[in-house]
PDB file of all heavy atoms in Angstrom:
ATOM      1  N   THR A   1      84.892  78.779 194.531  1.00  0.00           N
ATOM      2  CA  THR A   1      85.111  77.695 195.483  1.00  0.00           C
ATOM      3  C   THR A   1      86.554  77.671 195.978  1.00  0.00           C
ATOM      4  O   THR A   1      87.456  78.183 195.315  1.00  0.00           O
ATOM      5  CB  THR A   1      84.785  76.335 194.838  1.00  0.00           C
ATOM      6  OG1 THR A   1      85.575  76.183 193.649  1.00  0.00           O
ATOM      7  CG2 THR A   1      83.314  76.243 194.479  1.00  0.00           C
ATOM      8  N   PRO A   2      86.778  77.033 197.123  1.00  0.00           N
ATOM      9  CA  PRO A   2      88.146  76.926 197.647  1.00  0.00           C
ATOM     10  C   PRO A   2      89.031  76.090 196.713  1.00  0.00           C
ATOM     11  O   PRO A   2      88.521  75.321 195.895  1.00  0.00           O
ATOM     12  CB  PRO A   2      87.952  76.208 198.990  1.00  0.00           C
ATOM     13  CG  PRO A   2      86.509  76.352 199.319  1.00  0.00           C
ATOM     14  CD  PRO A   2      85.778  76.425 198.018  1.00  0.00           C
ATOM     15  N   PRO A   3      90.346  76.215 196.839  1.00  0.00           N
ATOM     16  CA  PRO A   3      91.263  75.501 195.947  1.00  0.00           C
ATOM     17  C   PRO A   3      91.096  73.981 195.973  1.00  0.00           C
ATOM     18  O   PRO A   3      91.354  73.315 194.977  1.00  0.00           O
ATOM     19  CB  PRO A   3      92.650  75.909 196.463  1.00  0.00           C
ATOM     20  CG  PRO A   3      92.430  77.185 197.187  1.00  0.00           C
ATOM     21  CD  PRO A   3      91.066  77.098 197.780  1.00  0.00           C
ATOM     22  N   ASN A   4      90.673  73.435 197.101  1.00  0.00           N
ATOM     23  CA  ASN A   4      90.575  71.975 197.223  1.00  0.00           C
ATOM     24  C   ASN A   4      89.192  71.435 196.883  1.00  0.00           C
ATOM     25  O   ASN A   4      88.891  70.275 197.155  1.00  0.00           O
ATOM     26  CB  ASN A   4      90.947  71.547 198.645  1.00  0.00           C
ATOM     27  CG  ASN A   4      89.995  72.109 199.691  1.00  0.00           C
ATOM     28  OD1 ASN A   4      89.221  73.013 199.393  1.00  0.00           O
ATOM     29  ND2 ASN A   4      90.047  71.585 200.900  1.00  0.00           N
ATOM     30  N   GLN A   5      88.323  72.263 196.291  1.00  0.00           N
ATOM     31  CA  GLN A   5      86.956  71.831 196.018  1.00  0.00           C
ATOM     32  C   GLN A   5      86.501  72.440 194.693  1.00  0.00           C
ATOM     33  O   GLN A   5      86.234  73.635 194.605  1.00  0.00           O
ATOM     34  CB  GLN A   5      86.033  72.272 197.168  1.00  0.00           C
ATOM     35  CG  GLN A   5      84.712  71.545 197.217  1.00  0.00           C
ATOM     36  CD  GLN A   5      83.937  71.870 198.485  1.00  0.00           C
ATOM     37  OE1 GLN A   5      84.197  72.859 199.165  1.00  0.00           O
ATOM     38  NE2 GLN A   5      82.968  71.041 198.808  1.00  0.00           N
ATOM     39  N   PHE A   6      86.393  71.615 193.662  1.00  0.00           N
ATOM     40  CA  PHE A   6      86.009  72.130 192.351  1.00  0.00           C
ATOM     41  C   PHE A   6      84.592  72.682 192.373  1.00  0.00           C
ATOM     42  O   PHE A   6      84.312  73.738 191.814  1.00  0.00           O
ATOM     43  CB  PHE A   6      86.123  71.033 191.281  1.00  0.00           C
ATOM     44  CG  PHE A   6      85.766  71.521 189.910  1.00  0.00           C
ATOM     45  CD1 PHE A   6      86.666  72.262 189.167  1.00  0.00           C
ATOM     46  CD2 PHE A   6      84.520  71.247 189.361  1.00  0.00           C
ATOM     47  CE1 PHE A   6      86.327  72.739 187.905  1.00  0.00           C
ATOM     48  CE2 PHE A   6      84.171  71.713 188.102  1.00  0.00           C
ATOM     49  CZ  PHE A   6      85.084  72.455 187.372  1.00  0.00           C
ATOM     50  N   SER A   7      83.677  71.952 193.008  1.00  0.00           N
ATOM     51  CA  SER A   7      82.301  72.415 193.153  1.00  0.00           C
ATOM     52  C   SER A   7      81.801  72.019 194.532  1.00  0.00           C
ATOM     53  O   SER A   7      82.392  71.167 195.197  1.00  0.00           O
ATOM     54  CB  SER A   7      81.398  71.823 192.071  1.00  0.00           C
ATOM     55  OG  SER A   7      81.392  70.413 192.132  1.00  0.00           O
ATOM     56  N   ARG A   8      80.700  72.653 194.953  1.00  0.00           N
ATOM     57  CA  ARG A   8      80.141  72.352 196.268  1.00  0.00           C
ATOM     58  C   ARG A   8      78.770  71.702 196.107  1.00  0.00           C
ATOM     59  O   ARG A   8      78.162  71.776 195.028  1.00  0.00           O
ATOM     60  CB  ARG A   8      80.051  73.644 197.084  1.00  0.00           C
ATOM     61  CG  ARG A   8      81.445  74.237 197.384  1.00  0.00           C
ATOM     62  CD  ARG A   8      81.363  75.581 198.054  1.00  0.00           C
ATOM     63  NE  ARG A   8      80.824  75.475 199.413  1.00  0.00           N
ATOM     64  CZ  ARG A   8      80.572  76.534 200.190  1.00  0.00           C
ATOM     65  NH1 ARG A   8      80.808  77.754 199.743  1.00  0.00           N
ATOM     66  NH2 ARG A   8      80.091  76.365 201.407  1.00  0.00           N
ATOM     67  N   PRO A   9      78.254  71.040 197.141  1.00  0.00           N
ATOM     68  CA  PRO A   9      76.938  70.400 197.044  1.00  0.00           C
ATOM     69  C   PRO A   9      75.852  71.412 196.699  1.00  0.00           C
ATOM     70  O   PRO A   9      76.030  72.626 196.868  1.00  0.00           O
ATOM     71  CB  PRO A   9      76.734  69.807 198.442  1.00  0.00           C
ATOM     72  CG  PRO A   9      78.106  69.650 199.003  1.00  0.00           C
ATOM     73  CD  PRO A   9      78.898  70.805 198.457  1.00  0.00           C
ATOM     74  N   PRO A  10      74.692  70.950 196.226  1.00  0.00           N
ATOM     75  CA  PRO A  10      73.618  71.875 195.850  1.00  0.00           C
ATOM     76  C   PRO A  10      73.206  72.832 196.966  1.00  0.00           C
ATOM     77  O   PRO A  10      72.929  74.004 196.702  1.00  0.00           O
ATOM     78  CB  PRO A  10      72.462  70.930 195.483  1.00  0.00           C
ATOM     79  CG  PRO A  10      73.140  69.675 195.038  1.00  0.00           C
ATOM     80  CD  PRO A  10      74.358  69.552 195.905  1.00  0.00           C
ATOM     81  N   LEU A  11      73.176  72.336 198.210  1.00  0.00           N
ATOM     82  CA  LEU A  11      72.845  73.184 199.359  1.00  0.00           C
ATOM     83  C   LEU A  11      74.078  73.254 200.251  1.00  0.00           C
ATOM     84  O   LEU A  11      74.337  72.353 201.046  1.00  0.00           O
ATOM     85  CB  LEU A  11      71.660  72.602 200.141  1.00  0.00           C
ATOM     86  CG  LEU A  11      70.376  72.340 199.344  1.00  0.00           C
ATOM     87  CD1 LEU A  11      69.308  71.718 200.237  1.00  0.00           C
ATOM     88  CD2 LEU A  11      69.851  73.617 198.688  1.00  0.00           C
ATOM     89  N   ALA A  12      74.856  74.328 200.115  1.00  0.00           N
ATOM     90  CA  ALA A  12      76.160  74.324 200.782  1.00  0.00           C
ATOM     91  C   ALA A  12      76.602  75.673 201.324  1.00  0.00           C
ATOM     92  O   ALA A  12      77.472  75.725 202.190  1.00  0.00           O
ATOM     93  CB  ALA A  12      77.225  73.805 199.813  1.00  0.00           C
ATOM     94  N   SER A  13      76.044  76.778 200.836  1.00  0.00           N
ATOM     95  CA  SER A  13      76.569  78.090 201.213  1.00  0.00           C
ATOM     96  C   SER A  13      75.813  78.661 202.410  1.00  0.00           C
ATOM     97  O   SER A  13      74.843  78.087 202.894  1.00  0.00           O
ATOM     98  CB  SER A  13      76.477  79.052 200.025  1.00  0.00           C
ATOM     99  OG  SER A  13      75.139  79.514 199.862  1.00  0.00           O
ATOM    100  N   ASP A  14      76.260  79.827 202.858  1.00  0.00           N
ATOM    101  CA  ASP A  14      75.550  80.546 203.922  1.00  0.00           C
ATOM    102  C   ASP A  14      74.490  81.485 203.346  1.00  0.00           C
ATOM    103  O   ASP A  14      73.921  82.301 204.068  1.00  0.00           O
ATOM    104  CB  ASP A  14      76.542  81.339 204.777  1.00  0.00           C
ATOM    105  CG  ASP A  14      77.375  80.434 205.675  1.00  0.00           C
ATOM    106  OD1 ASP A  14      76.878  79.359 206.052  1.00  0.00           O
ATOM    107  OD2 ASP A  14      78.519  80.810 205.995  1.00  0.00           O
ATOM    108  N   GLY A  15      74.241  81.363 202.051  1.00  0.00           N
ATOM    109  CA  GLY A  15      73.234  82.189 201.386  1.00  0.00           C
ATOM    110  C   GLY A  15      73.673  82.684 200.025  1.00  0.00           C
ATOM    111  O   GLY A  15      72.855  83.159 199.236  1.00  0.00           O
ATOM    112  N   CYS A  16      74.967  82.579 199.747  1.00  0.00           N
ATOM    113  CA  CYS A  16      75.489  83.033 198.456  1.00  0.00           C
ATOM    114  C   CYS A  16      75.182  82.020 197.352  1.00  0.00           C
ATOM    115  O   CYS A  16      74.785  80.888 197.613  1.00  0.00           O
ATOM    116  CB  CYS A  16      76.998  83.245 198.552  1.00  0.00           C
ATOM    117  SG  CYS A  16      77.480  84.601 199.652  1.00  0.00           S
ATOM    118  N   VAL A  17      75.404  82.463 196.109  1.00  0.00           N
ATOM    119  CA  VAL A  17      75.344  81.583 194.942  1.00  0.00           C
ATOM    120  C   VAL A  17      76.788  81.248 194.577  1.00  0.00           C
ATOM    121  O   VAL A  17      77.584  82.144 194.311  1.00  0.00           O
ATOM    122  CB  VAL A  17      74.636  82.272 193.766  1.00  0.00           C
ATOM    123  CG1 VAL A  17      74.691  81.405 192.512  1.00  0.00           C
ATOM    124  CG2 VAL A  17      73.190  82.588 194.135  1.00  0.00           C
ATOM    125  N   VAL A  18      77.117  79.951 194.587  1.00  0.00           N
ATOM    126  CA  VAL A  18      78.505  79.519 194.436  1.00  0.00           C
ATOM    127  C   VAL A  18      78.685  78.755 193.130  1.00  0.00           C
ATOM    128  O   VAL A  18      77.907  77.846 192.819  1.00  0.00           O
ATOM    129  CB  VAL A  18      78.940  78.641 195.625  1.00  0.00           C
ATOM    130  CG1 VAL A  18      80.403  78.247 195.491  1.00  0.00           C
ATOM    131  CG2 VAL A  18      78.706  79.384 196.945  1.00  0.00           C
ATOM    132  N   LEU A  19      79.720  79.124 192.378  1.00  0.00           N
ATOM    133  CA  LEU A  19      80.038  78.473 191.112  1.00  0.00           C
ATOM    134  C   LEU A  19      81.452  77.903 191.150  1.00  0.00           C
ATOM    135  O   LEU A  19      82.291  78.345 191.946  1.00  0.00           O
ATOM    136  CB  LEU A  19      79.970  79.468 189.948  1.00  0.00           C
ATOM    137  CG  LEU A  19      78.664  80.186 189.665  1.00  0.00           C
ATOM    138  CD1 LEU A  19      78.646  81.547 190.333  1.00  0.00           C
ATOM    139  CD2 LEU A  19      78.456  80.348 188.167  1.00  0.00           C
ATOM    140  N   ALA A  20      81.727  76.943 190.287  1.00  0.00           N
ATOM    141  CA  ALA A  20      83.106  76.499 190.078  1.00  0.00           C
ATOM    142  C   ALA A  20      83.913  77.692 189.583  1.00  0.00           C
ATOM    143  O   ALA A  20      83.403  78.558 188.869  1.00  0.00           O
ATOM    144  CB  ALA A  20      83.150  75.369 189.051  1.00  0.00           C
ATOM    145  N   ASN A  21      85.172  77.753 189.955  1.00  0.00           N
ATOM    146  CA  ASN A  21      85.993  78.921 189.637  1.00  0.00           C
ATOM    147  C   ASN A  21      86.068  79.260 188.146  1.00  0.00           C
ATOM    148  O   ASN A  21      85.963  80.438 187.783  1.00  0.00           O
ATOM    149  CB  ASN A  21      87.392  78.754 190.224  1.00  0.00           C
ATOM    150  CG  ASN A  21      87.391  78.875 191.743  1.00  0.00           C
ATOM    151  OD1 ASN A  21      86.660  79.690 192.306  1.00  0.00           O
ATOM    152  ND2 ASN A  21      88.184  78.063 192.414  1.00  0.00           N
ATOM    153  N   PRO A  22      86.266  78.271 187.246  1.00  0.00           N
ATOM    154  CA  PRO A  22      86.299  78.636 185.822  1.00  0.00           C
ATOM    155  C   PRO A  22      84.993  79.277 185.349  1.00  0.00           C
ATOM    156  O   PRO A  22      85.006  80.191 184.526  1.00  0.00           O
ATOM    157  CB  PRO A  22      86.539  77.293 185.120  1.00  0.00           C
ATOM    158  CG  PRO A  22      87.154  76.421 186.150  1.00  0.00           C
ATOM    159  CD  PRO A  22      86.530  76.831 187.440  1.00  0.00           C
ATOM    160  N   ASP A  23      83.867  78.809 185.885  1.00  0.00           N
ATOM    161  CA  ASP A  23      82.573  79.369 185.503  1.00  0.00           C
ATOM    162  C   ASP A  23      82.419  80.789 186.031  1.00  0.00           C
ATOM    163  O   ASP A  23      81.943  81.688 185.321  1.00  0.00           O
ATOM    164  CB  ASP A  23      81.441  78.485 186.030  1.00  0.00           C
ATOM    165  CG  ASP A  23      81.551  77.047 185.539  1.00  0.00           C
ATOM    166  OD1 ASP A  23      82.275  76.810 184.557  1.00  0.00           O
ATOM    167  OD2 ASP A  23      80.928  76.159 186.159  1.00  0.00           O
ATOM    168  N   LEU A  24      82.819  81.006 187.283  1.00  0.00           N
ATOM    169  CA  LEU A  24      82.757  82.349 187.857  1.00  0.00           C
ATOM    170  C   LEU A  24      83.665  83.311 187.088  1.00  0.00           C
ATOM    171  O   LEU A  24      83.297  84.456 186.825  1.00  0.00           O
ATOM    172  CB  LEU A  24      83.156  82.324 189.328  1.00  0.00           C
ATOM    173  CG  LEU A  24      83.156  83.704 189.996  1.00  0.00           C
ATOM    174  CD1 LEU A  24      81.739  84.213 190.197  1.00  0.00           C
ATOM    175  CD2 LEU A  24      83.899  83.678 191.326  1.00  0.00           C
ATOM    176  N   GLU A  25      84.845  82.837 186.720  1.00  0.00           N
ATOM    177  CA  GLU A  25      85.786  83.692 185.993  1.00  0.00           C
ATOM    178  C   GLU A  25      85.186  84.159 184.678  1.00  0.00           C
ATOM    179  O   GLU A  25      85.364  85.317 184.271  1.00  0.00           O
ATOM    180  CB  GLU A  25      87.094  82.936 185.762  1.00  0.00           C
ATOM    181  CG  GLU A  25      87.911  82.762 187.038  1.00  0.00           C
ATOM    182  CD  GLU A  25      88.971  81.675 186.918  1.00  0.00           C
ATOM    183  OE1 GLU A  25      89.220  81.199 185.788  1.00  0.00           O
ATOM    184  OE2 GLU A  25      89.545  81.294 187.957  1.00  0.00           O
ATOM    185  N   ARG A  26      84.467  83.264 183.992  1.00  0.00           N
ATOM    186  CA  ARG A  26      83.797  83.656 182.747  1.00  0.00           C
ATOM    187  C   ARG A  26      82.779  84.760 183.031  1.00  0.00           C
ATOM    188  O   ARG A  26      82.686  85.740 182.291  1.00  0.00           O
ATOM    189  CB  ARG A  26      83.105  82.438 182.133  1.00  0.00           C
ATOM    190  CG  ARG A  26      81.990  82.739 181.106  1.00  0.00           C
ATOM    191  CD  ARG A  26      82.546  83.203 179.774  1.00  0.00           C
ATOM    192  NE  ARG A  26      81.470  83.543 178.845  1.00  0.00           N
ATOM    193  CZ  ARG A  26      80.793  82.681 178.093  1.00  0.00           C
ATOM    194  NH1 ARG A  26      81.029  81.374 178.189  1.00  0.00           N
ATOM    195  NH2 ARG A  26      79.881  83.095 177.251  1.00  0.00           N
ATOM    196  N   ILE A  27      82.014  84.605 184.086  1.00  0.00           N
ATOM    197  CA  ILE A  27      80.998  85.599 184.408  1.00  0.00           C
ATOM    198  C   ILE A  27      81.646  86.932 184.782  1.00  0.00           C
ATOM    199  O   ILE A  27      81.215  87.999 184.343  1.00  0.00           O
ATOM    200  CB  ILE A  27      80.088  85.084 185.534  1.00  0.00           C
ATOM    201  CG1 ILE A  27      79.240  83.923 185.007  1.00  0.00           C
ATOM    202  CG2 ILE A  27      79.183  86.197 186.058  1.00  0.00           C
ATOM    203  CD1 ILE A  27      78.421  83.228 186.063  1.00  0.00           C
ATOM    204  N   ILE A  28      82.711  86.883 185.592  1.00  0.00           N
ATOM    205  CA  ILE A  28      83.399  88.112 185.985  1.00  0.00           C
ATOM    206  C   ILE A  28      83.941  88.840 184.758  1.00  0.00           C
ATOM    207  O   ILE A  28      83.867  90.075 184.669  1.00  0.00           O
ATOM    208  CB  ILE A  28      84.536  87.793 186.981  1.00  0.00           C
ATOM    209  CG1 ILE A  28      83.949  87.406 188.346  1.00  0.00           C
ATOM    210  CG2 ILE A  28      85.480  88.991 187.131  1.00  0.00           C
ATOM    211  CD1 ILE A  28      84.982  86.960 189.354  1.00  0.00           C
ATOM    212  N   ARG A  29      84.476  88.088 183.800  1.00  0.00           N
ATOM    213  CA  ARG A  29      85.007  88.704 182.580  1.00  0.00           C
ATOM    214  C   ARG A  29      83.900  89.287 181.705  1.00  0.00           C
ATOM    215  O   ARG A  29      84.150  90.171 180.883  1.00  0.00           O
ATOM    216  CB  ARG A  29      85.779  87.682 181.749  1.00  0.00           C
ATOM    217  CG  ARG A  29      87.082  87.204 182.338  1.00  0.00           C
ATOM    218  CD  ARG A  29      87.907  86.471 181.281  1.00  0.00           C
ATOM    219  NE  ARG A  29      87.175  85.381 180.648  1.00  0.00           N
ATOM    220  CZ  ARG A  29      87.161  84.123 181.074  1.00  0.00           C
ATOM    221  NH1 ARG A  29      87.834  83.809 182.183  1.00  0.00           N
ATOM    222  NH2 ARG A  29      86.481  83.197 180.430  1.00  0.00           N
ATOM    223  N   THR A  30      82.687  88.802 181.875  1.00  0.00           N
ATOM    224  CA  THR A  30      81.608  89.109 180.935  1.00  0.00           C
ATOM    225  C   THR A  30      80.690  90.217 181.402  1.00  0.00           C
ATOM    226  O   THR A  30      80.389  91.154 180.647  1.00  0.00           O
ATOM    227  CB  THR A  30      80.775  87.838 180.663  1.00  0.00           C
ATOM    228  OG1 THR A  30      81.626  86.805 180.159  1.00  0.00           O
ATOM    229  CG2 THR A  30      79.661  88.119 179.665  1.00  0.00           C
ATOM    230  N   VAL A  31      80.206  90.148 182.637  1.00  0.00           N
ATOM    231  CA  VAL A  31      79.124  91.040 183.064  1.00  0.00           C
ATOM    232  C   VAL A  31      79.641  92.394 183.537  1.00  0.00           C
ATOM    233  O   VAL A  31      80.832  92.560 183.791  1.00  0.00           O
ATOM    234  CB  VAL A  31      78.270  90.388 184.170  1.00  0.00           C
ATOM    235  CG1 VAL A  31      77.708  89.056 183.713  1.00  0.00           C
ATOM    236  CG2 VAL A  31      79.063  90.227 185.461  1.00  0.00           C
TER     237      VAL A  31
END
């Protein structure tokens, strides 16, 4: 997510799956 938005609404992207940055970082470090 952008720096000014911790999370986005349930229906918000142009088709991507969007996570809060700390959650995404965990996934990037893991998979």
